[in-house]
Amino acid sequence: MIRLLACLIVVAVTGGCSAMDGLLEAPVDNQALAAEERSPPPTAVAGWTSRAGPSDREVFSDKDDSYALDTGDRLRIFVYGQPNLSRIYPVDQSGFISVPLIGPVKVRGLASQRLAHVIRNRLAEQYVKDPEITVDIAQHRPFYVLGEVRTAGQYPYAGGLTVRSAVAIAGGFSERANERVVQITRRAGGMTEKFDAPDEFVIQPGDTIYVYERFL
């Protein structure tokens, strides 16, 4: 009796009495463990992604102010009460626009709202009191189609263009073209990246689409 009480005390304190292990441990379902080991880990459901590029589900829109301005864009800048400042400004090869009174303004890499803030601050320093400014994109920079297409060249950008529609604008694929995948060259934030993309991939202004040759 004394030995049984001692064993119960040890079990309560340390769980170390071998005679009580079977009562304290839950039974192991070996079949359930085996099934769990065979089950693949959960995977995220997402659109196609290239080796180094963004998802083809990404739809470009400059309205969310995510578009980085660069050479070739034409900007509509309106300064309330200042008709001499309100006009269309092309972005030059160096990534600048020239604004009366304040001179060159670096545009490359900025979003429209950020550019409006920069111009507002510079005008307010000594020229215009509390200026009200809006910046819109009058015309996006063009895109380029090269490689195995019928009419390679530069073309004006329109919202929602995919690789296939861009190739169609360039006259369609040539007889030797690989129609399954193309190479996209994209410049963003002063960096240039290259990645492969399928024909439903949505392009952005300034993209260069290179159509590979098909190897038989």
C-alpha atoms as a PDB file:
ATOM      1  CA  MET A   1       0.000   0.000   0.000  1.00  0.00           C
ATOM      2  CA  ILE A   2       2.800   2.358   0.939  1.00  0.00           C
ATOM      3  CA  ARG A   3       4.662   1.513  -2.274  1.00  0.00           C
ATOM      4  CA  LEU A   4       1.525   2.225  -4.386  1.00  0.00           C
ATOM      5  CA  LEU A   5       1.020   5.624  -2.713  1.00  0.00           C
ATOM      6  CA  ALA A   6       4.690   6.476  -3.309  1.00  0.00           C
ATOM      7  CA  CYS A   7       4.345   5.575  -6.973  1.00  0.00           C
ATOM      8  CA  LEU A   8       1.237   7.752  -7.346  1.00  0.00           C
ATOM      9  CA  ILE A   9       3.064  10.706  -5.767  1.00  0.00           C
ATOM     10  CA  VAL A  10       5.976  10.292  -8.183  1.00  0.00           C
ATOM     11  CA  VAL A  11       3.564  10.125 -11.140  1.00  0.00           C
ATOM     12  CA  ALA A  12       1.769  13.292 -10.020  1.00  0.00           C
ATOM     13  CA  VAL A  13       5.022  15.228  -9.595  1.00  0.00           C
ATOM     14  CA  THR A  14       7.248  13.947 -12.413  1.00  0.00           C
ATOM     15  CA  GLY A  15       5.156  11.609 -14.553  1.00  0.00           C
ATOM     16  CA  GLY A  16       8.088   9.228 -14.277  1.00  0.00           C
ATOM     17  CA  CYS A  17       6.496   6.021 -12.974  1.00  0.00           C
ATOM     18  CA  SER A  18       6.764   3.495 -15.790  1.00  0.00           C
ATOM     19  CA  ALA A  19       3.760   1.590 -14.566  1.00  0.00           C
ATOM     20  CA  MET A  20       1.474   4.599 -15.177  1.00  0.00           C
ATOM     21  CA  ASP A  21       2.879   5.667 -18.606  1.00  0.00           C
ATOM     22  CA  GLY A  22       0.170   3.864 -20.511  1.00  0.00           C
ATOM     23  CA  LEU A  23      -2.535   5.697 -18.564  1.00  0.00           C
ATOM     24  CA  LEU A  24      -1.041   9.173 -19.055  1.00  0.00           C
ATOM     25  CA  GLU A  25      -0.123   9.028 -22.767  1.00  0.00           C
ATOM     26  CA  ALA A  26      -2.760   9.222 -25.508  1.00  0.00           C
ATOM     27  CA  PRO A  27      -2.708   6.338 -27.986  1.00  0.00           C
ATOM     28  CA  VAL A  28      -0.826   7.012 -31.232  1.00  0.00           C
ATOM     29  CA  ASP A  29      -2.721   6.584 -34.492  1.00  0.00           C
ATOM     30  CA  ASN A  30       0.045   5.294 -36.763  1.00  0.00           C
ATOM     31  CA  GLN A  31      -2.175   5.309 -39.850  1.00  0.00           C
ATOM     32  CA  ALA A  32      -3.063   8.995 -39.354  1.00  0.00           C
ATOM     33  CA  LEU A  33       0.612   9.917 -38.960  1.00  0.00           C
ATOM     34  CA  ALA A  34       1.530   8.061 -42.133  1.00  0.00           C
ATOM     35  CA  ALA A  35      -1.232   9.823 -44.083  1.00  0.00           C
ATOM     36  CA  GLU A  36      -0.058  13.201 -42.766  1.00  0.00           C
ATOM     37  CA  GLU A  37       3.509  12.496 -43.877  1.00  0.00           C
ATOM     38  CA  ARG A  38       2.284  11.630 -47.377  1.00  0.00           C
ATOM     39  CA  SER A  39       0.203  14.823 -47.698  1.00  0.00           C
ATOM     40  CA  PRO A  40       1.950  17.644 -49.634  1.00  0.00           C
ATOM     41  CA  PRO A  41       2.450  21.004 -47.846  1.00  0.00           C
ATOM     42  CA  PRO A  42      -0.136  23.703 -48.605  1.00  0.00           C
ATOM     43  CA  THR A  43       0.753  25.957 -51.525  1.00  0.00           C
ATOM     44  CA  ALA A  44      -0.369  29.498 -52.256  1.00  0.00           C
ATOM     45  CA  VAL A  45      -2.685  29.960 -55.201  1.00  0.00           C
ATOM     46  CA  ALA A  46      -1.342  32.680 -57.470  1.00  0.00           C
ATOM     47  CA  GLY A  47      -1.050  33.696 -61.087  1.00  0.00           C
ATOM     48  CA  TRP A  48       1.870  32.811 -63.323  1.00  0.00           C
ATOM     49  CA  THR A  49       5.131  34.426 -62.323  1.00  0.00           C
ATOM     50  CA  SER A  50       8.265  34.611 -64.411  1.00  0.00           C
ATOM     51  CA  ARG A  51      11.734  33.652 -63.244  1.00  0.00           C
ATOM     52  CA  ALA A  52      12.583  37.221 -62.314  1.00  0.00           C
ATOM     53  CA  GLY A  53       9.549  39.307 -63.124  1.00  0.00           C
ATOM     54  CA  PRO A  54       6.174  40.284 -61.701  1.00  0.00           C
ATOM     55  CA  SER A  55       2.945  38.339 -61.908  1.00  0.00           C
ATOM     56  CA  ASP A  56       0.955  38.421 -65.120  1.00  0.00           C
ATOM     57  CA  ARG A  57      -2.109  39.178 -62.991  1.00  0.00           C
ATOM     58  CA  GLU A  58      -0.666  42.614 -62.267  1.00  0.00           C
ATOM     59  CA  VAL A  59      -2.773  45.139 -64.172  1.00  0.00           C
ATOM     60  CA  PHE A  60      -1.100  48.468 -64.714  1.00  0.00           C
ATOM     61  CA  SER A  61      -2.940  51.663 -63.895  1.00  0.00           C
ATOM     62  CA  ASP A  62      -1.438  55.097 -63.395  1.00  0.00           C
ATOM     63  CA  LYS A  63      -4.532  56.119 -61.405  1.00  0.00           C
ATOM     64  CA  ASP A  64      -3.202  54.373 -58.299  1.00  0.00           C
ATOM     65  CA  ASP A  65      -0.113  56.595 -58.492  1.00  0.00           C
ATOM     66  CA  SER A  66       2.212  53.620 -58.791  1.00  0.00           C
ATOM     67  CA  TYR A  67       3.502  54.610 -62.234  1.00  0.00           C
ATOM     68  CA  ALA A  68       7.091  55.896 -62.284  1.00  0.00           C
ATOM     69  CA  LEU A  69       7.513  58.709 -64.799  1.00  0.00           C
ATOM     70  CA  ASP A  70      10.362  58.596 -67.315  1.00  0.00           C
ATOM     71  CA  THR A  71      11.645  59.718 -70.703  1.00  0.00           C
ATOM     72  CA  GLY A  72       8.958  59.730 -73.388  1.00  0.00           C
ATOM     73  CA  ASP A  73       6.035  60.519 -71.099  1.00  0.00           C
ATOM     74  CA  ARG A  74       4.062  63.700 -71.760  1.00  0.00           C
ATOM     75  CA  LEU A  75       2.616  65.366 -68.676  1.00  0.00           C
ATOM     76  CA  ARG A  76      -0.358  67.679 -68.368  1.00  0.00           C
ATOM     77  CA  ILE A  77       0.427  70.100 -65.539  1.00  0.00           C
ATOM     78  CA  PHE A  78      -2.223  72.558 -64.381  1.00  0.00           C
ATOM     79  CA  VAL A  79      -1.410  75.421 -62.014  1.00  0.00           C
ATOM     80  CA  TYR A  80      -4.579  77.188 -60.871  1.00  0.00           C
ATOM     81  CA  GLY A  81      -4.590  80.851 -61.899  1.00  0.00           C
ATOM     82  CA  GLN A  82      -1.316  80.525 -63.836  1.00  0.00           C
ATOM     83  CA  PRO A  83      -2.105  79.922 -67.529  1.00  0.00           C
ATOM     84  CA  ASN A  84       1.537  80.437 -68.528  1.00  0.00           C
ATOM     85  CA  LEU A  85       2.520  77.446 -66.393  1.00  0.00           C
ATOM     86  CA  SER A  86      -0.393  75.188 -67.335  1.00  0.00           C
ATOM     87  CA  ARG A  87       0.589  73.155 -70.399  1.00  0.00           C
ATOM     88  CA  ILE A  88       1.861  69.813 -71.728  1.00  0.00           C
ATOM     89  CA  TYR A  89       5.424  69.021 -70.665  1.00  0.00           C
ATOM     90  CA  PRO A  90       7.440  66.291 -72.420  1.00  0.00           C
ATOM     91  CA  VAL A  91       9.981  64.391 -70.325  1.00  0.00           C
ATOM     92  CA  ASP A  92      13.368  64.706 -72.036  1.00  0.00           C
ATOM     93  CA  GLN A  93      16.109  62.102 -72.482  1.00  0.00           C
ATOM     94  CA  SER A  94      17.658  63.057 -69.158  1.00  0.00           C
ATOM     95  CA  GLY A  95      14.375  62.542 -67.301  1.00  0.00           C
ATOM     96  CA  PHE A  96      13.640  66.254 -66.735  1.00  0.00           C
ATOM     97  CA  ILE A  97      10.944  68.741 -67.643  1.00  0.00           C
ATOM     98  CA  SER A  98      11.498  72.484 -67.928  1.00  0.00           C
ATOM     99  CA  VAL A  99       8.972  74.575 -66.003  1.00  0.00           C
ATOM    100  CA  PRO A 100       8.865  78.391 -66.388  1.00  0.00           C
ATOM    101  CA  LEU A 101      10.088  80.323 -63.324  1.00  0.00           C
ATOM    102  CA  ILE A 102      11.663  77.308 -61.613  1.00  0.00           C
ATOM    103  CA  GLY A 103      13.587  75.758 -64.522  1.00  0.00           C
ATOM    104  CA  PRO A 104      14.517  72.049 -64.851  1.00  0.00           C
ATOM    105  CA  VAL A 105      12.653  69.593 -62.616  1.00  0.00           C
ATOM    106  CA  LYS A 106      13.769  65.976 -62.317  1.00  0.00           C
ATOM    107  CA  VAL A 107      10.858  63.692 -63.147  1.00  0.00           C
ATOM    108  CA  ARG A 108      12.397  60.261 -63.683  1.00  0.00           C
ATOM    109  CA  GLY A 109      11.280  57.759 -61.070  1.00  0.00           C
ATOM    110  CA  LEU A 110       8.637  60.011 -59.505  1.00  0.00           C
ATOM    111  CA  ALA A 111       4.916  59.326 -59.369  1.00  0.00           C
ATOM    112  CA  SER A 112       2.499  62.045 -60.509  1.00  0.00           C
ATOM    113  CA  GLN A 113       1.482  63.092 -56.996  1.00  0.00           C
ATOM    114  CA  ARG A 114       5.091  63.317 -55.843  1.00  0.00           C
ATOM    115  CA  LEU A 115       5.967  65.495 -58.849  1.00  0.00           C
ATOM    116  CA  ALA A 116       3.060  67.820 -58.067  1.00  0.00           C
ATOM    117  CA  HIS A 117       4.400  68.161 -54.523  1.00  0.00           C
ATOM    118  CA  VAL A 118       7.913  69.022 -55.782  1.00  0.00           C
ATOM    119  CA  ILE A 119       6.649  71.685 -58.206  1.00  0.00           C
ATOM    120  CA  ARG A 120       4.301  73.136 -55.583  1.00  0.00           C
ATOM    121  CA  ASN A 121       7.137  73.575 -53.084  1.00  0.00           C
ATOM    122  CA  ARG A 122       9.485  75.194 -55.598  1.00  0.00           C
ATOM    123  CA  LEU A 123       6.856  77.615 -56.878  1.00  0.00           C
ATOM    124  CA  ALA A 124       5.800  78.494 -53.341  1.00  0.00           C
ATOM    125  CA  GLU A 125       9.341  79.436 -52.331  1.00  0.00           C
ATOM    126  CA  GLN A 126       9.237  82.794 -54.115  1.00  0.00           C
ATOM    127  CA  TYR A 127       6.906  82.840 -57.103  1.00  0.00           C
ATOM    128  CA  VAL A 128       3.320  81.734 -56.366  1.00  0.00           C
ATOM    129  CA  LYS A 129       1.538  81.902 -53.029  1.00  0.00           C
ATOM    130  CA  ASP A 130      -0.145  78.617 -52.054  1.00  0.00           C
ATOM    131  CA  PRO A 131      -0.138  77.165 -55.597  1.00  0.00           C
ATOM    132  CA  GLU A 132      -2.722  74.530 -56.506  1.00  0.00           C
ATOM    133  CA  ILE A 133      -1.238  71.986 -58.888  1.00  0.00           C
ATOM    134  CA  THR A 134      -2.380  68.814 -60.601  1.00  0.00           C
ATOM    135  CA  VAL A 135      -0.233  66.484 -62.699  1.00  0.00           C
ATOM    136  CA  ASP A 136      -1.756  63.984 -65.135  1.00  0.00           C
ATOM    137  CA  ILE A 137      -0.258  61.792 -67.829  1.00  0.00           C
ATOM    138  CA  ALA A 138      -1.303  63.177 -71.195  1.00  0.00           C
ATOM    139  CA  GLN A 139       0.534  60.418 -73.088  1.00  0.00           C
ATOM    140  CA  HIS A 140       2.511  57.423 -71.861  1.00  0.00           C
ATOM    141  CA  ARG A 141       5.920  56.621 -73.241  1.00  0.00           C
ATOM    142  CA  PRO A 142       5.847  54.089 -76.094  1.00  0.00           C
ATOM    143  CA  PHE A 143       6.583  50.384 -75.972  1.00  0.00           C
ATOM    144  CA  TYR A 144       8.839  48.449 -78.348  1.00  0.00           C
ATOM    145  CA  VAL A 145       8.463  45.132 -80.143  1.00  0.00           C
ATOM    146  CA  LEU A 146      11.572  43.442 -81.515  1.00  0.00           C
ATOM    147  CA  GLY A 147      12.624  40.031 -82.783  1.00  0.00           C
ATOM    148  CA  GLU A 148      10.439  37.628 -84.734  1.00  0.00           C
ATOM    149  CA  VAL A 149       7.541  39.938 -85.672  1.00  0.00           C
ATOM    150  CA  ARG A 150       6.554  41.284 -89.054  1.00  0.00           C
ATOM    151  CA  THR A 151       7.016  44.980 -88.254  1.00  0.00           C
ATOM    152  CA  ALA A 152       9.426  45.586 -85.393  1.00  0.00           C
ATOM    153  CA  GLY A 153       9.484  49.080 -83.941  1.00  0.00           C
ATOM    154  CA  GLN A 154       8.111  51.617 -81.482  1.00  0.00           C
ATOM    155  CA  TYR A 155       4.377  51.926 -80.806  1.00  0.00           C
ATOM    156  CA  PRO A 156       2.159  54.186 -78.662  1.00  0.00           C
ATOM    157  CA  TYR A 157       1.002  52.627 -75.415  1.00  0.00           C
ATOM    158  CA  ALA A 158      -2.653  52.006 -74.553  1.00  0.00           C
ATOM    159  CA  GLY A 159      -3.940  50.739 -71.207  1.00  0.00           C
ATOM    160  CA  GLY A 160      -4.436  46.989 -70.757  1.00  0.00           C
ATOM    161  CA  LEU A 161      -2.193  45.833 -73.598  1.00  0.00           C
ATOM    162  CA  THR A 162      -1.022  42.237 -73.367  1.00  0.00           C
ATOM    163  CA  VAL A 163       1.957  40.674 -75.100  1.00  0.00           C
ATOM    164  CA  ARG A 164      -0.290  39.132 -77.740  1.00  0.00           C
ATOM    165  CA  SER A 165      -2.113  42.387 -78.526  1.00  0.00           C
ATOM    166  CA  ALA A 166       1.216  44.244 -78.656  1.00  0.00           C
ATOM    167  CA  VAL A 167       2.586  41.673 -81.118  1.00  0.00           C
ATOM    168  CA  ALA A 168      -0.599  42.055 -83.191  1.00  0.00           C
ATOM    169  CA  ILE A 169       0.039  45.817 -83.382  1.00  0.00           C
ATOM    170  CA  ALA A 170       3.508  44.962 -84.709  1.00  0.00           C
ATOM    171  CA  GLY A 171       1.978  42.940 -87.535  1.00  0.00           C
ATOM    172  CA  GLY A 172       1.886  39.568 -85.794  1.00  0.00           C
ATOM    173  CA  PHE A 173       4.403  36.785 -85.330  1.00  0.00           C
ATOM    174  CA  SER A 174       6.771  35.835 -88.124  1.00  0.00           C
ATOM    175  CA  GLU A 175       6.895  32.276 -89.447  1.00  0.00           C
ATOM    176  CA  ARG A 176       9.911  31.524 -87.248  1.00  0.00           C
ATOM    177  CA  ALA A 177       8.552  33.002 -84.025  1.00  0.00           C
ATOM    178  CA  ASN A 178       8.214  31.230 -80.716  1.00  0.00           C
ATOM    179  CA  GLU A 179       4.627  32.150 -79.878  1.00  0.00           C
ATOM    180  CA  ARG A 180       4.599  30.684 -76.372  1.00  0.00           C
ATOM    181  CA  VAL A 181       6.966  32.987 -74.499  1.00  0.00           C
ATOM    182  CA  VAL A 182       8.727  36.323 -75.049  1.00  0.00           C
ATOM    183  CA  GLN A 183      11.352  38.319 -73.205  1.00  0.00           C
ATOM    184  CA  ILE A 184      10.318  41.563 -71.485  1.00  0.00           C
ATOM    185  CA  THR A 185      12.862  44.274 -70.726  1.00  0.00           C
ATOM    186  CA  ARG A 186      11.558  46.759 -68.181  1.00  0.00           C
ATOM    187  CA  ARG A 187      13.146  49.795 -66.575  1.00  0.00           C
ATOM    188  CA  ALA A 188      11.921  50.778 -63.130  1.00  0.00           C
ATOM    189  CA  GLY A 189      13.507  52.980 -60.486  1.00  0.00           C
ATOM    190  CA  GLY A 190      16.671  53.400 -62.523  1.00  0.00           C
ATOM    191  CA  MET A 191      17.095  49.618 -62.752  1.00  0.00           C
ATOM    192  CA  THR A 192      16.616  47.408 -65.801  1.00  0.00           C
ATOM    193  CA  GLU A 193      15.259  43.870 -65.492  1.00  0.00           C
ATOM    194  CA  LYS A 194      14.670  41.139 -68.048  1.00  0.00           C
ATOM    195  CA  PHE A 195      12.263  38.240 -67.665  1.00  0.00           C
ATOM    196  CA  ASP A 196      10.252  35.786 -69.745  1.00  0.00           C
ATOM    197  CA  ALA A 197       6.484  36.176 -70.013  1.00  0.00           C
ATOM    198  CA  PRO A 198       3.570  34.368 -71.723  1.00  0.00           C
ATOM    199  CA  ASP A 199       1.303  35.911 -74.329  1.00  0.00           C
ATOM    200  CA  GLU A 200      -1.367  37.004 -71.803  1.00  0.00           C
ATOM    201  CA  PHE A 201       1.105  39.046 -69.737  1.00  0.00           C
ATOM    202  CA  VAL A 202       0.057  42.708 -69.313  1.00  0.00           C
ATOM    203  CA  ILE A 203       2.773  45.099 -70.482  1.00  0.00           C
ATOM    204  CA  GLN A 204       3.621  48.561 -69.198  1.00  0.00           C
ATOM    205  CA  PRO A 205       4.717  51.771 -70.927  1.00  0.00           C
ATOM    206  CA  GLY A 206       8.352  51.645 -71.960  1.00  0.00           C
ATOM    207  CA  ASP A 207       8.520  47.845 -72.050  1.00  0.00           C
ATOM    208  CA  THR A 208      10.545  46.192 -74.787  1.00  0.00           C
ATOM    209  CA  ILE A 209       9.085  42.918 -76.022  1.00  0.00           C
ATOM    210  CA  TYR A 210      11.518  40.568 -77.717  1.00  0.00           C
ATOM    211  CA  VAL A 211      10.001  37.630 -79.613  1.00  0.00           C
ATOM    212  CA  TYR A 212      12.292  34.621 -79.666  1.00  0.00           C
ATOM    213  CA  GLU A 213      12.994  32.506 -82.725  1.00  0.00           C
ATOM    214  CA  ARG A 214      11.482  29.044 -82.664  1.00  0.00           C
ATOM    215  CA  PHE A 215      13.972  26.198 -82.798  1.00  0.00           C
ATOM    216  CA  LEU A 216      12.713  23.052 -84.488  1.00  0.00           C
END
